[in-house]
Amino acid sequence: MRSSLRFVCVAAVAAMLTAVPGSAQKTTGPRERYEMDVATMSGFAAMAGGGRGGIGGAMGMMFGGDPSSKVAHQLLLRLGSNDAATAPPPKGDHFFLPQAKMGKSVPLTWEASKEETGTTPFERPKGRLLLYWGCGAKAGPGQPVVIDFAKVAAGQVPPNLFSSAVPVIREVSRANSRSYIDWPNSKGGKQPGSGSSLLGAHRVASNIGPDINFTLAQDYMQGLSASTAIQGDQSVMVRWNSVPNATGYVAWTIGGMGNGGGKNDLGDIVWWTSSASKEFGGGLWDWLPPSVVANLITRKIVMPPAQTSCQIPAEVKKASGEMMIGNLNAFGPEANFSYPPKPAGNAAWNIDWTAKVRFRSHTMLMVGADFGGMAGAGGGGSTSGNGTPAEPAKKKKCKGPLGIPLPDGAC
């Protein structure tokens, strides 16, 4: 019995020793980090984000049928390195196969942003932000949460205003890289056209690190086709198609913009999200890894991939006024690559480079008299009941409450 117990104890100690940091496999690097964001935009988002926005794009949809048939693709490429350029300035190329319809390659480079000079006198804004959340015909208890802009400008920021449950994913940037290049830029190359495909081999060559080679088995996600319909109780039903490979969905709307009484009087701005709890900000409007999305689904912050409808409460529609504009986001898969391959056992893993490819699909939500009948039943427009196309609304600046940038294609 004692020998058996001694064996068990020795085995337990050995197991603990293998788990301590000193005995784990050591890794170094990566020297280079590449990120490729792949978006599918549909409906009004495709017209705005795909370069055909404004009145011309809107009129084209009025007379060209269902805007859900309008799909645009978008690529955002970023390369960061721990090394300096072998021959400054930093530069590179992403080489594509012919089916990508991107030409032989697109140039990666770094362009410093032009900072505005001079100072603008600060004038404290007036108005309120009304926060609503959750799917359903009626708003839940404790809604809306009211934020006074004047108090925020004076430094009185309400606690827990923005989400702590939704992480902001750290991306490759100039700030965390010794050398950094990206695309799109002014050096050339256009966003992919219709019928393009990312399947197959990709190569990234630069003067800030070794070549990066990977093969994609995941293509652009399918476009979202969303419809909005005002119900008899004045709630708004949002329905959409099930997108293959989607890991979850989130929707938001903003309304009441432009109802203020002057230059600095913003009036009441109404912000709603589909989350079952008060979750605003964080990475909720962007790309999120599948593991993070899965966790947020269990917390009812993100809608599950099987869900294809959500009702915006009547109180949100009433407070928003004539128009609500928003976004429906389908989170997608993520592909990760690294070189060299991870060695077996405890041999040190010295990583030369990593590559991450993130996918999502999104469309715009538009509800209100200004857009009634323009989109039909399939592309994010509303059904107002009379079916009469309204005059296109003037394009608004892409800024949300408290100066928060709105997602691509939201204006």
Protein backbone atom coordinates (compact mmCIF):
# COMPACT_ATOMS: atom_id res chain seq x y z
CA MET A 1 0.00 0.00 0.00
CA ARG A 2 2.81 2.41 0.94
CA SER A 3 4.68 1.72 -2.30
CA SER A 4 1.48 2.37 -4.25
CA LEU A 5 0.92 5.66 -2.47
CA ARG A 6 4.56 6.61 -3.04
CA PHE A 7 4.12 5.92 -6.78
CA VAL A 8 0.98 8.04 -6.93
CA CYS A 9 2.72 10.92 -5.16
CA VAL A 10 5.75 10.75 -7.44
CA ALA A 11 3.50 10.73 -10.49
CA ALA A 12 1.57 13.73 -9.21
CA VAL A 13 4.77 15.67 -8.57
CA ALA A 14 6.05 14.80 -12.06
CA ALA A 15 2.77 16.00 -13.60
CA MET A 16 3.03 19.30 -11.72
CA LEU A 17 6.62 19.79 -12.81
CA THR A 18 5.67 19.40 -16.46
CA ALA A 19 3.08 22.16 -16.01
CA VAL A 20 5.38 24.82 -14.54
CA PRO A 21 6.49 27.63 -16.86
CA GLY A 22 10.16 26.69 -16.70
CA SER A 23 9.52 23.31 -18.30
CA ALA A 24 7.05 24.48 -20.98
CA GLN A 25 8.00 24.92 -24.62
CA LYS A 26 9.70 28.25 -25.15
CA THR A 27 8.70 30.49 -28.06
CA THR A 28 10.26 33.57 -29.58
CA GLY A 29 8.84 36.02 -32.10
CA PRO A 30 7.05 36.38 -34.36
CA ARG A 31 9.36 38.75 -36.18
CA GLU A 32 6.55 39.65 -38.61
CA ARG A 33 2.78 39.81 -38.12
CA TYR A 34 0.42 40.02 -41.06
CA GLU A 35 -3.32 40.69 -40.84
CA MET A 36 -5.87 40.50 -43.62
CA ASP A 37 -9.43 41.65 -42.91
CA VAL A 38 -11.98 40.34 -45.41
CA ALA A 39 -15.43 41.96 -45.47
CA THR A 40 -18.54 41.36 -47.53
CA MET A 41 -20.82 44.41 -47.70
CA SER A 42 -24.36 44.22 -49.04
CA GLY A 43 -27.31 46.49 -49.70
CA PHE A 44 -26.76 50.17 -48.94
CA ALA A 45 -23.46 49.27 -47.23
CA ALA A 46 -22.19 47.91 -50.56
CA MET A 47 -23.20 51.10 -52.37
CA ALA A 48 -21.49 53.35 -49.82
CA GLY A 49 -18.48 51.20 -49.01
CA GLY A 50 -18.06 49.98 -52.57
CA GLY A 51 -17.58 53.41 -54.04
CA ARG A 52 -21.08 53.99 -55.40
CA GLY A 53 -22.60 55.86 -52.52
CA GLY A 54 -24.46 59.14 -52.43
CA ILE A 55 -27.53 60.17 -54.40
CA GLY A 56 -26.38 58.40 -57.57
CA GLY A 57 -26.08 55.06 -55.82
CA ALA A 58 -29.38 55.52 -54.03
CA MET A 59 -31.19 56.44 -57.24
CA GLY A 60 -29.66 53.45 -58.96
CA MET A 61 -31.15 51.19 -56.30
CA MET A 62 -34.54 52.87 -56.56
CA PHE A 63 -34.82 51.97 -60.22
CA GLY A 64 -32.52 48.96 -60.29
CA GLY A 65 -34.41 46.66 -57.95
CA ASP A 66 -33.55 44.97 -54.70
CA PRO A 67 -30.31 46.36 -53.21
CA SER A 68 -29.67 43.00 -51.53
CA SER A 69 -28.30 41.97 -54.92
CA LYS A 70 -25.62 44.63 -54.55
CA VAL A 71 -22.56 43.07 -52.92
CA ALA A 72 -19.11 44.58 -52.53
CA HIS A 73 -15.93 43.13 -51.11
CA GLN A 74 -13.35 44.91 -49.01
CA LEU A 75 -9.80 44.00 -48.03
CA LEU A 76 -7.72 45.69 -45.32
CA LEU A 77 -4.08 44.58 -45.19
CA ARG A 78 -1.54 45.31 -42.40
CA LEU A 79 2.05 44.12 -41.96
CA GLY A 80 4.12 44.87 -38.87
CA SER A 81 7.72 43.85 -38.20
CA ASN A 82 10.23 43.96 -35.38
CA ASP A 83 12.98 44.67 -37.93
CA ALA A 84 13.96 47.83 -39.77
CA ALA A 85 13.65 47.99 -43.55
CA THR A 86 16.69 46.63 -45.37
CA ALA A 87 16.46 49.59 -47.77
CA PRO A 88 14.16 52.34 -46.44
CA PRO A 89 11.40 53.27 -46.79
CA PRO A 90 9.41 50.18 -45.74
CA LYS A 91 7.48 48.67 -48.64
CA GLY A 92 6.03 45.40 -49.84
CA ASP A 93 3.48 43.63 -52.02
CA HIS A 94 0.67 41.15 -51.52
CA PHE A 95 0.61 38.78 -54.52
CA PHE A 96 -2.72 37.22 -55.55
CA LEU A 97 -3.86 34.46 -57.87
CA PRO A 98 -5.77 35.61 -61.02
CA GLN A 99 -9.19 34.65 -59.56
CA ALA A 100 -8.79 37.36 -56.93
CA LYS A 101 -9.14 39.99 -59.68
CA MET A 102 -6.69 42.23 -57.84
CA GLY A 103 -4.02 42.34 -60.50
CA LYS A 104 -0.71 40.64 -59.90
CA SER A 105 -0.28 42.38 -56.55
CA VAL A 106 -1.23 45.40 -54.46
CA PRO A 107 1.44 47.65 -52.91
CA LEU A 108 1.93 47.81 -49.16
CA THR A 109 3.38 51.07 -47.90
CA TRP A 110 3.23 53.53 -45.03
CA GLU A 111 1.74 56.99 -45.35
CA ALA A 112 1.81 59.39 -42.44
CA SER A 113 -1.55 60.98 -41.80
CA LYS A 114 -1.85 64.72 -42.24
CA GLU A 115 -2.65 66.33 -38.91
CA GLU A 116 -4.84 69.36 -38.91
CA THR A 117 -3.15 72.56 -37.80
CA GLY A 118 -4.58 75.32 -35.71
CA THR A 119 -6.99 75.17 -32.80
CA THR A 120 -10.74 75.09 -32.76
CA PRO A 121 -12.51 76.85 -29.91
CA PHE A 122 -14.22 74.33 -27.67
CA GLU A 123 -17.94 74.76 -27.25
CA ARG A 124 -19.67 72.46 -24.81
CA PRO A 125 -22.29 70.39 -26.66
CA LYS A 126 -25.89 70.14 -25.58
CA GLY A 127 -28.15 67.17 -25.91
CA ARG A 128 -28.61 63.65 -24.61
CA LEU A 129 -27.77 60.09 -25.56
CA LEU A 130 -30.56 57.58 -24.95
CA LEU A 131 -29.36 53.98 -24.70
CA TYR A 132 -31.69 51.05 -25.44
CA TRP A 133 -30.92 47.38 -25.88
CA GLY A 134 -32.45 43.96 -26.49
CA CYS A 135 -34.74 42.33 -29.05
CA GLY A 136 -38.45 42.57 -28.38
CA ALA A 137 -41.62 44.55 -29.01
CA LYS A 138 -41.13 46.59 -25.83
CA ALA A 139 -38.01 47.96 -24.15
CA GLY A 140 -36.94 46.16 -21.00
CA PRO A 141 -36.77 47.60 -17.49
CA GLY A 142 -34.31 50.39 -16.75
CA GLN A 143 -34.42 51.77 -20.28
CA PRO A 144 -33.38 54.16 -21.59
CA VAL A 145 -30.17 55.02 -19.82
CA VAL A 146 -29.78 58.76 -20.40
CA ILE A 147 -26.37 60.36 -20.91
CA ASP A 148 -26.10 64.15 -20.80
CA PHE A 149 -23.50 65.38 -23.30
CA ALA A 150 -22.80 68.54 -21.34
CA LYS A 151 -21.92 66.50 -18.26
CA VAL A 152 -19.67 64.18 -20.27
CA ALA A 153 -17.89 67.20 -21.78
CA ALA A 154 -17.34 68.49 -18.26
CA GLY A 155 -15.64 65.20 -17.32
CA GLN A 156 -18.63 63.60 -15.63
CA VAL A 157 -18.53 60.28 -17.52
CA PRO A 158 -21.07 57.77 -16.22
CA PRO A 159 -19.56 54.53 -14.88
CA ASN A 160 -19.77 51.43 -17.08
CA LEU A 161 -20.78 53.48 -20.12
CA PHE A 162 -18.91 51.22 -22.52
CA SER A 163 -18.70 47.45 -22.54
CA SER A 164 -16.11 45.67 -20.45
CA ALA A 165 -17.38 42.26 -21.57
CA VAL A 166 -16.53 42.77 -25.26
CA PRO A 167 -12.77 42.99 -25.83
CA VAL A 168 -11.12 45.32 -28.32
CA ILE A 169 -8.83 43.01 -30.29
CA ARG A 170 -5.27 44.30 -30.51
CA GLU A 171 -4.37 44.77 -34.17
CA VAL A 172 -1.09 45.24 -35.99
CA SER A 173 -0.40 48.97 -36.13
CA ARG A 174 2.34 51.54 -36.47
CA ALA A 175 2.31 51.98 -32.70
CA ASN A 176 3.23 48.34 -31.94
CA SER A 177 5.64 47.73 -34.83
CA ARG A 178 9.16 48.88 -35.56
CA SER A 179 8.29 48.85 -39.26
CA TYR A 180 4.73 49.02 -40.57
CA ILE A 181 3.05 49.02 -44.00
CA ASP A 182 -0.56 48.60 -45.09
CA TRP A 183 -3.12 48.77 -47.90
CA PRO A 184 -5.32 50.49 -49.23
CA ASN A 185 -3.08 53.45 -49.91
CA SER A 186 -2.38 56.04 -52.57
CA LYS A 187 0.18 53.86 -54.35
CA GLY A 188 -2.46 51.97 -56.27
CA GLY A 189 -4.78 49.02 -56.40
CA LYS A 190 -8.56 48.84 -56.23
CA GLN A 191 -10.86 46.90 -53.95
CA PRO A 192 -11.89 43.52 -55.41
CA GLY A 193 -14.73 43.48 -57.93
CA SER A 194 -17.65 41.12 -58.28
CA GLY A 195 -16.85 37.48 -58.86
CA SER A 196 -13.47 37.66 -57.16
CA SER A 197 -12.18 34.82 -55.01
CA LEU A 198 -9.47 34.60 -52.37
CA LEU A 199 -9.16 30.81 -52.45
CA GLY A 200 -5.67 29.47 -52.98
CA ALA A 201 -2.12 30.69 -52.48
CA HIS A 202 -1.09 34.12 -51.17
CA ARG A 203 2.38 35.60 -50.89
CA VAL A 204 3.52 38.73 -49.08
CA ALA A 205 7.00 40.02 -49.88
CA SER A 206 8.56 43.08 -48.24
CA ASN A 207 11.83 44.68 -47.20
CA ILE A 208 10.94 44.45 -43.50
CA GLY A 209 11.08 40.67 -43.07
CA PRO A 210 10.95 37.24 -44.70
CA ASP A 211 8.36 36.30 -47.29
CA ILE A 212 4.99 35.15 -45.96
CA ASN A 213 3.18 32.32 -47.77
CA PHE A 214 -0.21 30.83 -46.91
CA THR A 215 -3.13 29.13 -48.64
CA LEU A 216 -6.74 30.13 -47.96
CA ALA A 217 -9.51 27.55 -47.94
CA GLN A 218 -12.13 30.14 -46.82
CA ASP A 219 -13.53 32.65 -49.32
CA TYR A 220 -15.58 35.82 -48.92
CA MET A 221 -18.65 35.29 -46.79
CA GLN A 222 -22.10 35.39 -48.36
CA GLY A 223 -23.87 38.75 -48.36
CA LEU A 224 -26.50 39.59 -45.78
CA SER A 225 -29.99 40.34 -47.06
CA ALA A 226 -31.90 42.17 -44.33
CA SER A 227 -35.41 43.60 -44.33
CA THR A 228 -37.08 45.90 -41.82
CA ALA A 229 -40.83 46.23 -41.35
CA ILE A 230 -42.67 48.55 -38.98
CA GLN A 231 -45.25 46.57 -36.99
CA GLY A 232 -48.69 47.64 -35.87
CA ASP A 233 -47.38 48.34 -32.36
CA GLN A 234 -44.64 50.55 -33.93
CA SER A 235 -41.85 48.14 -33.13
CA VAL A 236 -39.62 47.22 -36.06
CA MET A 237 -39.07 43.63 -37.16
CA VAL A 238 -35.65 42.93 -38.67
CA ARG A 239 -35.22 39.71 -40.63
CA TRP A 240 -32.19 38.38 -42.48
CA ASN A 241 -30.92 35.33 -44.30
CA SER A 242 -28.81 32.71 -42.58
CA VAL A 243 -25.20 33.26 -43.68
CA PRO A 244 -23.06 30.11 -44.00
CA ASN A 245 -20.01 30.14 -41.71
CA ALA A 246 -21.42 32.98 -39.60
CA THR A 247 -20.47 32.54 -35.96
CA GLY A 248 -23.01 35.05 -34.61
CA TYR A 249 -24.86 38.31 -35.33
CA VAL A 250 -25.16 41.73 -33.75
CA ALA A 251 -27.34 44.68 -34.80
CA TRP A 252 -27.46 48.32 -33.82
CA THR A 253 -29.35 51.44 -34.85
CA ILE A 254 -28.95 55.14 -34.22
CA GLY A 255 -31.75 57.69 -34.57
CA GLY A 256 -32.85 61.16 -33.61
CA MET A 257 -29.76 62.71 -35.17
CA GLY A 258 -30.28 66.24 -36.45
CA ASN A 259 -33.18 67.05 -34.12
CA GLY A 260 -31.20 69.56 -32.07
CA GLY A 261 -31.91 73.26 -31.84
CA GLY A 262 -28.60 74.70 -33.01
CA LYS A 263 -24.97 74.19 -33.92
CA ASN A 264 -23.97 72.62 -30.61
CA ASP A 265 -27.41 71.37 -29.61
CA LEU A 266 -27.46 67.71 -30.67
CA GLY A 267 -30.91 67.05 -29.26
CA ASP A 268 -31.69 63.46 -28.27
CA ILE A 269 -29.62 60.79 -30.02
CA VAL A 270 -31.06 57.29 -29.68
CA TRP A 271 -28.72 54.30 -29.74
CA TRP A 272 -29.96 50.69 -29.67
CA THR A 273 -28.16 47.35 -29.79
CA SER A 274 -29.49 43.81 -30.08
CA SER A 275 -27.57 42.70 -26.98
CA ALA A 276 -29.77 41.42 -24.16
CA SER A 277 -27.77 43.56 -21.72
CA LYS A 278 -26.41 47.11 -21.83
CA GLU A 279 -23.32 46.53 -23.97
CA PHE A 280 -22.00 49.39 -26.09
CA GLY A 281 -18.59 49.89 -27.66
CA GLY A 282 -15.67 47.51 -27.35
CA GLY A 283 -15.14 45.38 -30.43
CA LEU A 284 -18.84 44.71 -30.95
CA TRP A 285 -18.97 46.50 -34.33
CA ASP A 286 -15.78 44.98 -35.72
CA TRP A 287 -14.13 41.63 -36.29
CA LEU A 288 -14.12 39.24 -33.33
CA PRO A 289 -12.49 35.76 -33.06
CA PRO A 290 -14.91 32.80 -33.12
CA SER A 291 -13.97 31.84 -29.54
CA VAL A 292 -14.86 35.34 -28.30
CA VAL A 293 -18.14 35.32 -30.25
CA ALA A 294 -19.05 31.91 -28.80
CA ASN A 295 -18.54 33.27 -25.28
CA LEU A 296 -20.61 36.39 -26.02
CA ILE A 297 -23.44 34.20 -27.34
CA THR A 298 -23.62 32.35 -24.01
CA ARG A 299 -23.93 35.77 -22.33
CA LYS A 300 -26.63 36.85 -24.82
CA ILE A 301 -24.51 39.78 -25.99
CA VAL A 302 -24.27 38.36 -29.53
CA MET A 303 -27.13 36.57 -31.29
CA PRO A 304 -26.45 32.90 -32.20
CA PRO A 305 -25.85 31.87 -35.84
CA ALA A 306 -29.24 30.11 -36.00
CA GLN A 307 -31.13 33.36 -35.24
CA THR A 308 -32.49 35.24 -38.26
CA SER A 309 -34.74 37.93 -36.76
CA CYS A 310 -34.79 40.58 -34.04
CA GLN A 311 -37.47 43.07 -33.06
CA ILE A 312 -36.46 46.66 -32.31
CA PRO A 313 -38.64 47.93 -29.42
CA ALA A 314 -41.40 50.43 -30.18
CA GLU A 315 -39.88 52.91 -27.71
CA VAL A 316 -36.71 53.02 -29.82
CA LYS A 317 -38.65 53.77 -33.00
CA LYS A 318 -40.71 56.47 -31.29
CA ALA A 319 -37.70 58.19 -29.73
CA SER A 320 -35.67 57.97 -32.97
CA GLY A 321 -38.11 60.05 -35.00
CA GLU A 322 -38.41 59.76 -38.77
CA MET A 323 -35.27 57.76 -39.44
CA MET A 324 -33.04 55.13 -37.92
CA ILE A 325 -29.79 54.05 -39.52
CA GLY A 326 -27.75 51.09 -38.36
CA ASN A 327 -25.87 47.94 -39.11
CA LEU A 328 -26.28 44.18 -39.03
CA ASN A 329 -22.97 42.38 -38.58
CA ALA A 330 -22.32 38.68 -39.17
CA PHE A 331 -19.11 37.60 -37.47
CA GLY A 332 -17.21 34.98 -39.41
CA PRO A 333 -14.36 32.48 -39.24
CA GLU A 334 -10.70 33.21 -38.77
CA ALA A 335 -7.67 31.53 -40.38
CA ASN A 336 -4.27 31.56 -38.67
CA PHE A 337 -0.88 30.61 -40.09
CA SER A 338 2.68 30.62 -38.78
CA TYR A 339 6.18 29.65 -39.86
CA PRO A 340 8.12 27.56 -39.15
CA PRO A 341 5.77 24.82 -37.93
CA LYS A 342 5.61 24.24 -34.21
CA PRO A 343 8.23 21.63 -33.26
CA ALA A 344 7.34 18.56 -31.25
CA GLY A 345 8.17 18.22 -27.60
CA ASN A 346 9.81 21.03 -25.69
CA ALA A 347 12.11 22.23 -28.47
CA ALA A 348 12.15 26.02 -28.72
CA TRP A 349 9.75 27.48 -31.28
CA ASN A 350 11.34 30.50 -32.96
CA ILE A 351 8.50 32.02 -35.00
CA ASP A 352 9.50 33.98 -38.10
CA TRP A 353 6.00 35.18 -39.01
CA THR A 354 2.31 34.81 -38.33
CA ALA A 355 -0.63 35.61 -40.60
CA LYS A 356 -4.24 36.11 -39.54
CA VAL A 357 -7.20 36.35 -41.92
CA ARG A 358 -10.52 37.54 -40.43
CA PHE A 359 -13.91 37.37 -42.14
CA ARG A 360 -17.23 39.12 -41.64
CA SER A 361 -20.35 40.15 -43.57
CA HIS A 362 -22.45 43.22 -42.86
CA THR A 363 -25.28 45.32 -44.23
CA MET A 364 -26.96 48.58 -43.37
CA LEU A 365 -30.30 48.92 -41.63
CA MET A 366 -32.45 51.89 -42.64
CA VAL A 367 -35.85 52.51 -41.13
CA GLY A 368 -37.96 55.60 -41.73
CA ALA A 369 -39.98 57.75 -44.10
CA ASP A 370 -36.92 59.08 -45.92
CA PHE A 371 -36.07 55.59 -47.16
CA GLY A 372 -39.47 53.93 -47.30
CA GLY A 373 -39.89 51.84 -50.42
CA MET A 374 -36.39 52.43 -51.75
CA ALA A 375 -34.98 49.11 -50.75
CA GLY A 376 -37.95 46.83 -51.13
CA ALA A 377 -38.16 43.84 -48.86
CA GLY A 378 -34.67 42.54 -49.21
CA GLY A 379 -31.90 45.02 -48.62
CA GLY A 380 -32.17 46.75 -45.31
CA GLY A 381 -34.88 49.24 -46.20
CA SER A 382 -38.17 49.69 -44.42
CA THR A 383 -41.69 49.01 -45.54
CA SER A 384 -43.71 52.09 -44.76
CA GLY A 385 -47.03 50.84 -46.07
CA ASN A 386 -47.56 53.15 -49.03
CA GLY A 387 -44.71 51.79 -51.15
CA THR A 388 -43.90 55.28 -52.50
CA PRO A 389 -40.19 56.00 -52.93
CA ALA A 390 -39.05 58.99 -50.94
CA GLU A 391 -36.44 61.53 -51.93
CA PRO A 392 -32.93 60.38 -51.04
CA ALA A 393 -31.79 61.76 -47.72
CA LYS A 394 -28.73 63.93 -47.51
CA LYS A 395 -25.61 62.05 -46.58
CA LYS A 396 -24.73 62.45 -42.92
CA LYS A 397 -21.29 62.56 -41.40
CA CYS A 398 -20.09 59.15 -40.26
CA LYS A 399 -19.89 59.94 -36.57
CA GLY A 400 -21.90 58.38 -33.82
CA PRO A 401 -22.65 59.43 -30.24
CA LEU A 402 -19.72 61.03 -28.39
CA GLY A 403 -17.81 61.16 -31.69
CA ILE A 404 -17.66 57.36 -32.04
CA PRO A 405 -16.93 56.43 -35.68
CA LEU A 406 -19.68 54.44 -37.32
CA PRO A 407 -18.86 51.18 -39.19
CA ASP A 408 -17.95 51.18 -42.88
CA GLY A 409 -20.89 52.03 -45.10
CA ALA A 410 -23.06 53.43 -42.31
CA CYS A 411 -23.32 56.85 -43.95
